[in-house]
Structure formats: C-alpha cells, structure tokens
Amino acid sequence: MGPRAPTALARETVLITGASAGLGVEFARLFAADGSDIVLVARREERLRALANELADRHGVSARVLAADLSEPDAAEGLMARLASDGIEIDVLVNNAGFGARGPVAEIDAGRQAAMAHLNVGALTGLSRALLPGMIASGHGGILNVASMAAFQAGPCMAVYYATKAYVLSFTEALHEEVRGTGVRVSCFCPGPVATEFAEMADMTDSKLFEKRAAAAAPAARAGYEGFRANRAVVIPGLGNKLGIWLQRLVPRAAIRRIVARMQR
C-alpha cells in the first residue's frame, strides 16, 4: 500500500514559526480555516496568545503557544524537546521566521549578522531535519519554507540576507526532489516585498522596494499556502515577480548586482 495522500481538510497539526506578525499570522489563519490544529512559535508570547484565542474561537481548532527565539543557539533543539515533552506530533512545518538587515557587511553588527544566518538558515534546516523523518514514515505532511525574491540574485547592502534566502531556495528545491513519491509536500515560497514589520526591522522603510511595491500580507500568504497544497517546488506570487525572474536570465549578473545595490542604498 502506498503512502496516505493528504487532503487540505485532513486533521493535521501545523507548526508555524515567526507566527506573531505578517505572513506568519496569515498562514496560521489559512491552515486553521481548513481545520488544522496550530502550534505558534515566535518571541512575542502576548501576540501569540491573542492569535491562538482568535483561531480557537473562529475555527474551533487547538492553537498552542510556544514562545521561543529561534535565532539563539540550540533554540531549535529546545523547541523539539518541548514538543516531545508535550506529546505534540507535527504534520506540517512552516518555516516563516526570519529577518534582514540593511547596510554593508563591514558596517552591520557582526552578532546581528550571525543571528540572522542562524535563524534564516540554521533553525530552518534544523527543524526540517528533525521533523522530516516522521513525515516520510507516515507518508503525509510537508514543509513550507519562506524564502524571497531575494533568493534569485546577490544583494549588495543586504548581502547576508540575500545569501540566506538563496540557501533556502536551493535547500527546499533539493528536499522537494528527495521526498518525491513519499506523500510529503515540500515548497519554497518566494514573495516580493510584503507589507509586514520586515521593512522596519531591516531599516528599509525608505527603500524603493517598499515605497510602492509592497503587497498585502493576506493575499501573499494565500498564494504561498495554495502553492504548498499543490506541492509546487517553487511558488512565486504575482505576474510581475514571475516576469522579473524571467528577465533576470537575460541580463548579466554584474548588471543585476548594480541595480540591486542602487535600490538598497
């Protein structure tokens, strides 16, 4: 007998990181609307509890709160230990937590850059590795990793952030192929600028990327959610974003670097 095929309405437990704002909140609402139980992870416990109450009241699902800072060393391992001690089995992992920092590598605080790399890459990889074997064994579930349009080119003045998202894209595409035929879905969501707290945290509120192009979080998250349900390896929302990726293939990488540098400064 082959692996059990999941459906959008199957009762499942979904772990969402970075769930206190922006895309994380919208992903939680989308999964809960389909009847999934939710585990919310982020640093800001008060926000998580407000969201958990909303999901439970509106959709009748279980919504648990696990406050954690996944940018800290061993935080992913600590989160897995808490799940095990509470007897929580995860069917779907949404690796949404991440942040960026604007400025030259030589000027951004080294500790902040290290925390960014650990959160955007290390925690995402660690949680994926910890939960994937159980998904494969059960023949259902999946992983939705949130990257960015930044994954497709180098990013002067945001070098570490762009590089972490390139890792997420490559890593996720590889996982998608590795689990082919197991019943497990793996997708990489690559949105353009989204109207969340990201720009403020990254000191990008005056960036040309966010002045006019930022999409609303709810429709952006829906595109990622639907792409995951369809098991698309890479999900790029919006015709403009898709066209931009296609056009990049026609332009020398050196030119793309200079264009990005001008937009970031």
Protein backbone atom coordinates (compact mmCIF):
# COMPACT_ATOMS: atom_id res chain seq x y z
CA MET A 1 0.00 0.00 0.00
CA GLY A 2 1.38 3.41 -0.95
CA PRO A 3 1.68 6.44 1.32
CA ARG A 4 -1.51 8.06 2.54
CA ALA A 5 -2.41 11.01 0.36
CA PRO A 6 -3.20 14.12 2.43
CA THR A 7 -6.09 16.43 1.72
CA ALA A 8 -6.48 20.11 2.52
CA LEU A 9 -9.19 19.22 5.04
CA ALA A 10 -7.39 16.35 6.80
CA ARG A 11 -6.91 16.93 10.55
CA GLU A 12 -3.28 17.83 10.96
CA THR A 13 -1.03 19.75 13.31
CA VAL A 14 0.89 22.64 11.78
CA LEU A 15 3.92 24.31 13.36
CA ILE A 16 4.40 27.90 12.22
CA THR A 17 7.50 29.89 13.15
CA GLY A 18 7.54 33.66 13.08
CA ALA A 19 3.83 33.48 13.86
CA SER A 20 3.43 36.76 15.77
CA ALA A 21 3.10 39.06 12.75
CA GLY A 22 2.82 39.41 8.98
CA LEU A 23 2.88 36.28 6.86
CA GLY A 24 3.08 34.02 9.91
CA VAL A 25 -0.26 35.28 11.21
CA GLU A 26 -1.87 34.88 7.79
CA PHE A 27 -0.52 31.36 7.33
CA ALA A 28 -1.93 30.42 10.75
CA ARG A 29 -5.36 31.75 9.74
CA LEU A 30 -5.32 29.85 6.46
CA PHE A 31 -4.35 26.49 7.97
CA ALA A 32 -6.80 26.93 10.84
CA ALA A 33 -9.61 27.74 8.40
CA ASP A 34 -9.03 24.31 6.85
CA GLY A 35 -9.38 22.66 10.26
CA SER A 36 -5.71 22.21 11.14
CA ASP A 37 -4.53 22.40 14.75
CA ILE A 38 -1.83 25.04 15.10
CA VAL A 39 1.38 25.43 17.09
CA LEU A 40 2.51 29.07 17.11
CA VAL A 41 6.18 29.89 17.65
CA ALA A 42 7.77 33.34 17.97
CA ARG A 43 9.36 35.55 20.59
CA ARG A 44 6.34 37.71 21.45
CA GLU A 45 4.15 35.50 23.63
CA GLU A 46 1.38 38.06 24.16
CA ARG A 47 0.79 38.36 20.42
CA LEU A 48 0.83 34.60 20.01
CA ARG A 49 -1.79 34.12 22.72
CA ALA A 50 -4.08 36.70 21.13
CA LEU A 51 -3.77 34.91 17.79
CA ALA A 52 -4.29 31.49 19.42
CA ASN A 53 -7.52 32.71 21.02
CA GLU A 54 -8.69 34.08 17.66
CA LEU A 55 -8.04 30.80 15.85
CA ALA A 56 -9.68 28.68 18.54
CA ASP A 57 -12.75 30.90 18.74
CA ARG A 58 -13.21 31.32 14.99
CA HIS A 59 -12.37 27.83 13.75
CA GLY A 60 -12.67 25.51 16.75
CA VAL A 61 -9.11 24.25 16.40
CA SER A 62 -6.44 23.69 19.01
CA ALA A 63 -3.91 26.54 19.00
CA ARG A 64 -0.86 26.14 21.22
CA VAL A 65 1.72 28.81 22.01
CA LEU A 66 5.43 28.10 22.36
CA ALA A 67 7.37 31.32 22.86
CA ALA A 68 10.96 30.97 21.63
CA ASP A 69 13.71 32.99 20.00
CA LEU A 70 14.93 30.70 17.23
CA SER A 71 17.89 32.94 16.48
CA GLU A 72 19.54 31.73 19.69
CA PRO A 73 21.95 28.77 19.59
CA ASP A 74 20.24 25.42 20.24
CA ALA A 75 16.80 27.07 20.17
CA ALA A 76 15.53 24.65 17.52
CA GLU A 77 16.66 21.69 19.61
CA GLY A 78 14.95 23.19 22.63
CA LEU A 79 11.73 23.62 20.68
CA MET A 80 11.79 19.98 19.56
CA ALA A 81 12.32 18.89 23.18
CA ARG A 82 9.27 20.92 24.26
CA LEU A 83 7.14 19.36 21.54
CA ALA A 84 8.25 15.88 22.59
CA SER A 85 7.57 16.52 26.28
CA ASP A 86 4.06 17.78 25.44
CA GLY A 87 3.39 14.82 23.14
CA ILE A 88 2.82 17.04 20.10
CA GLU A 89 3.38 15.43 16.70
CA ILE A 90 3.84 17.83 13.81
CA ASP A 91 2.46 17.06 10.36
CA VAL A 92 3.31 20.32 8.60
CA LEU A 93 6.18 22.74 9.26
CA VAL A 94 6.02 26.35 8.07
CA ASN A 95 9.49 27.87 8.36
CA ASN A 96 8.48 31.52 8.24
CA ALA A 97 10.73 33.06 10.90
CA GLY A 98 13.48 35.28 9.54
CA PHE A 99 14.76 38.83 9.41
CA GLY A 100 17.02 41.05 7.34
CA ALA A 101 19.42 43.90 7.96
CA ARG A 102 20.25 46.70 5.56
CA GLY A 103 23.80 48.01 5.14
CA PRO A 104 27.29 46.90 4.06
CA VAL A 105 28.67 43.73 5.62
CA ALA A 106 31.57 45.73 7.07
CA GLU A 107 29.19 48.01 8.99
CA ILE A 108 26.34 45.80 10.26
CA ASP A 109 26.90 44.43 13.76
CA ALA A 110 28.60 41.02 13.50
CA GLY A 111 26.36 39.49 16.16
CA ARG A 112 23.26 40.59 14.31
CA GLN A 113 24.51 39.05 11.09
CA ALA A 114 25.33 35.80 12.87
CA ALA A 115 21.86 35.69 14.43
CA MET A 116 20.32 36.32 11.00
CA ALA A 117 22.24 33.46 9.45
CA HIS A 118 21.33 31.15 12.33
CA LEU A 119 17.63 31.99 12.19
CA ASN A 120 17.18 32.14 8.42
CA VAL A 121 19.35 29.09 7.71
CA GLY A 122 20.31 27.16 10.84
CA ALA A 123 16.93 26.99 12.59
CA LEU A 124 15.12 26.31 9.31
CA THR A 125 17.48 23.45 8.50
CA GLY A 126 17.41 22.03 12.00
CA LEU A 127 13.63 21.96 12.26
CA SER A 128 13.32 20.47 8.78
CA ARG A 129 15.79 17.72 9.63
CA ALA A 130 14.10 16.95 12.92
CA LEU A 131 10.56 16.69 11.56
CA LEU A 132 11.06 15.30 8.05
CA PRO A 133 11.75 11.65 9.02
CA GLY A 134 8.39 11.40 10.82
CA MET A 135 6.59 12.87 7.83
CA ILE A 136 8.23 10.40 5.47
CA ALA A 137 7.43 7.49 7.78
CA SER A 138 3.75 8.47 7.97
CA GLY A 139 3.50 9.24 4.24
CA HIS A 140 1.90 12.66 4.65
CA GLY A 141 2.55 16.21 5.81
CA GLY A 142 5.09 18.62 4.48
CA ILE A 143 7.32 21.66 4.78
CA LEU A 144 6.67 25.18 3.54
CA ASN A 145 9.83 27.28 3.62
CA VAL A 146 9.56 31.03 3.18
CA ALA A 147 12.34 32.49 1.06
CA SER A 148 12.06 35.67 -1.01
CA MET A 149 12.58 37.11 -4.46
CA ALA A 150 15.97 37.98 -2.95
CA ALA A 151 16.88 34.29 -3.37
CA PHE A 152 17.44 34.73 -7.10
CA GLN A 153 20.32 37.23 -7.08
CA ALA A 154 23.09 38.71 -4.95
CA GLY A 155 22.10 41.62 -2.73
CA PRO A 156 24.69 44.33 -2.11
CA CYS A 157 23.85 46.24 1.08
CA MET A 158 21.85 43.22 2.28
CA ALA A 159 24.41 40.57 1.40
CA VAL A 160 23.80 38.15 4.27
CA TYR A 161 20.01 38.28 3.97
CA TYR A 162 20.03 37.64 0.22
CA ALA A 163 22.52 34.80 0.69
CA THR A 164 20.38 33.14 3.36
CA LYS A 165 17.34 33.22 1.09
CA ALA A 166 19.36 31.74 -1.78
CA TYR A 167 20.18 28.89 0.60
CA VAL A 168 16.52 28.42 1.49
CA LEU A 169 15.55 28.19 -2.18
CA SER A 170 18.28 25.70 -3.06
CA PHE A 171 17.72 23.62 0.07
CA THR A 172 13.97 23.44 -0.46
CA GLU A 173 14.20 22.50 -4.13
CA ALA A 174 16.54 19.67 -3.17
CA LEU A 175 14.18 18.45 -0.43
CA HIS A 176 11.26 18.57 -2.85
CA GLU A 177 13.08 16.13 -5.12
CA GLU A 178 14.30 13.92 -2.26
CA VAL A 179 10.77 13.27 -0.97
CA ARG A 180 9.17 12.73 -4.37
CA GLY A 181 6.74 9.82 -4.18
CA THR A 182 6.60 9.71 -0.37
CA GLY A 183 3.36 11.67 0.04
CA VAL A 184 5.23 14.56 1.66
CA ARG A 185 4.92 18.05 0.17
CA VAL A 186 7.85 20.49 0.16
CA SER A 187 7.53 24.01 -1.22
CA CYS A 188 9.56 27.20 -1.24
CA PHE A 189 7.58 30.45 -1.15
CA CYS A 190 9.38 33.39 -2.78
CA PRO A 191 7.35 36.59 -2.37
CA GLY A 192 8.45 40.06 -3.34
CA PRO A 193 8.16 42.92 -0.82
CA VAL A 194 5.24 42.37 1.55
CA ALA A 195 3.67 44.95 3.86
CA THR A 196 4.80 43.49 7.20
CA GLU A 197 7.13 44.53 10.02
CA PHE A 198 10.11 43.25 8.00
CA ALA A 199 10.93 46.64 6.44
CA GLU A 200 11.01 48.39 9.79
CA MET A 201 13.18 45.72 11.40
CA ALA A 202 15.56 45.75 8.44
CA ASP A 203 15.75 49.58 8.36
CA MET A 204 14.18 49.62 4.90
CA THR A 205 11.12 51.84 5.34
CA ASP A 206 12.62 54.36 2.89
CA SER A 207 13.72 51.70 0.38
CA LYS A 208 12.40 51.94 -3.17
CA LEU A 209 11.48 48.25 -2.85
CA PHE A 210 8.85 49.02 -0.20
CA GLU A 211 7.69 52.50 -1.15
CA LYS A 212 5.24 51.38 -3.86
CA ARG A 213 5.66 47.64 -4.47
CA ALA A 214 4.78 46.03 -1.13
CA ALA A 215 1.94 43.51 -1.41
CA ALA A 216 -0.66 42.95 1.30
CA ALA A 217 0.22 40.06 3.62
CA ALA A 218 -3.08 38.14 3.38
CA PRO A 219 -3.18 37.57 -0.41
CA ALA A 220 0.57 36.92 -0.47
CA ALA A 221 0.21 34.22 2.19
CA ARG A 222 -2.72 32.67 0.33
CA ALA A 223 -0.55 32.30 -2.78
CA GLY A 224 2.08 30.50 -0.72
CA TYR A 225 -0.50 28.33 1.01
CA GLU A 226 -2.16 27.26 -2.24
CA GLY A 227 1.21 26.57 -3.85
CA PHE A 228 2.14 24.33 -0.91
CA ARG A 229 -1.16 22.45 -1.09
CA ALA A 230 -0.48 21.90 -4.81
CA ASN A 231 3.04 20.66 -3.95
CA ARG A 232 4.77 23.20 -6.18
CA ALA A 233 8.51 23.21 -5.56
CA VAL A 234 8.83 26.99 -6.00
CA VAL A 235 5.95 29.43 -5.52
CA ILE A 236 6.39 32.95 -6.90
CA PRO A 237 3.28 35.09 -6.42
CA GLY A 238 2.30 37.73 -8.94
CA LEU A 239 2.85 38.09 -12.67
CA GLY A 240 5.28 40.96 -12.15
CA ASN A 241 7.51 38.87 -9.90
CA LYS A 242 7.46 35.94 -12.31
CA LEU A 243 8.33 38.25 -15.21
CA GLY A 244 11.15 39.78 -13.19
CA ILE A 245 12.73 36.38 -12.56
CA TRP A 246 12.45 35.52 -16.26
CA LEU A 247 14.03 38.82 -17.32
CA GLN A 248 16.95 38.29 -14.93
CA ARG A 249 18.05 35.37 -17.05
CA LEU A 250 18.60 37.77 -19.96
CA VAL A 251 20.66 40.32 -18.00
CA PRO A 252 24.32 39.88 -16.94
CA ARG A 253 24.67 39.15 -13.24
CA ALA A 254 27.03 42.12 -12.83
CA ALA A 255 24.29 44.43 -14.06
CA ILE A 256 21.77 42.87 -11.68
CA ARG A 257 24.16 43.43 -8.76
CA ARG A 258 24.49 47.13 -9.59
CA ILE A 259 20.71 47.54 -9.97
CA VAL A 260 20.06 45.89 -6.59
CA ALA A 261 22.77 48.00 -4.94
CA ARG A 262 21.13 51.21 -6.19
CA MET A 263 17.72 50.08 -4.91
CA GLN A 264 19.07 49.15 -1.47
CA ARG A 265 21.02 52.33 -0.84
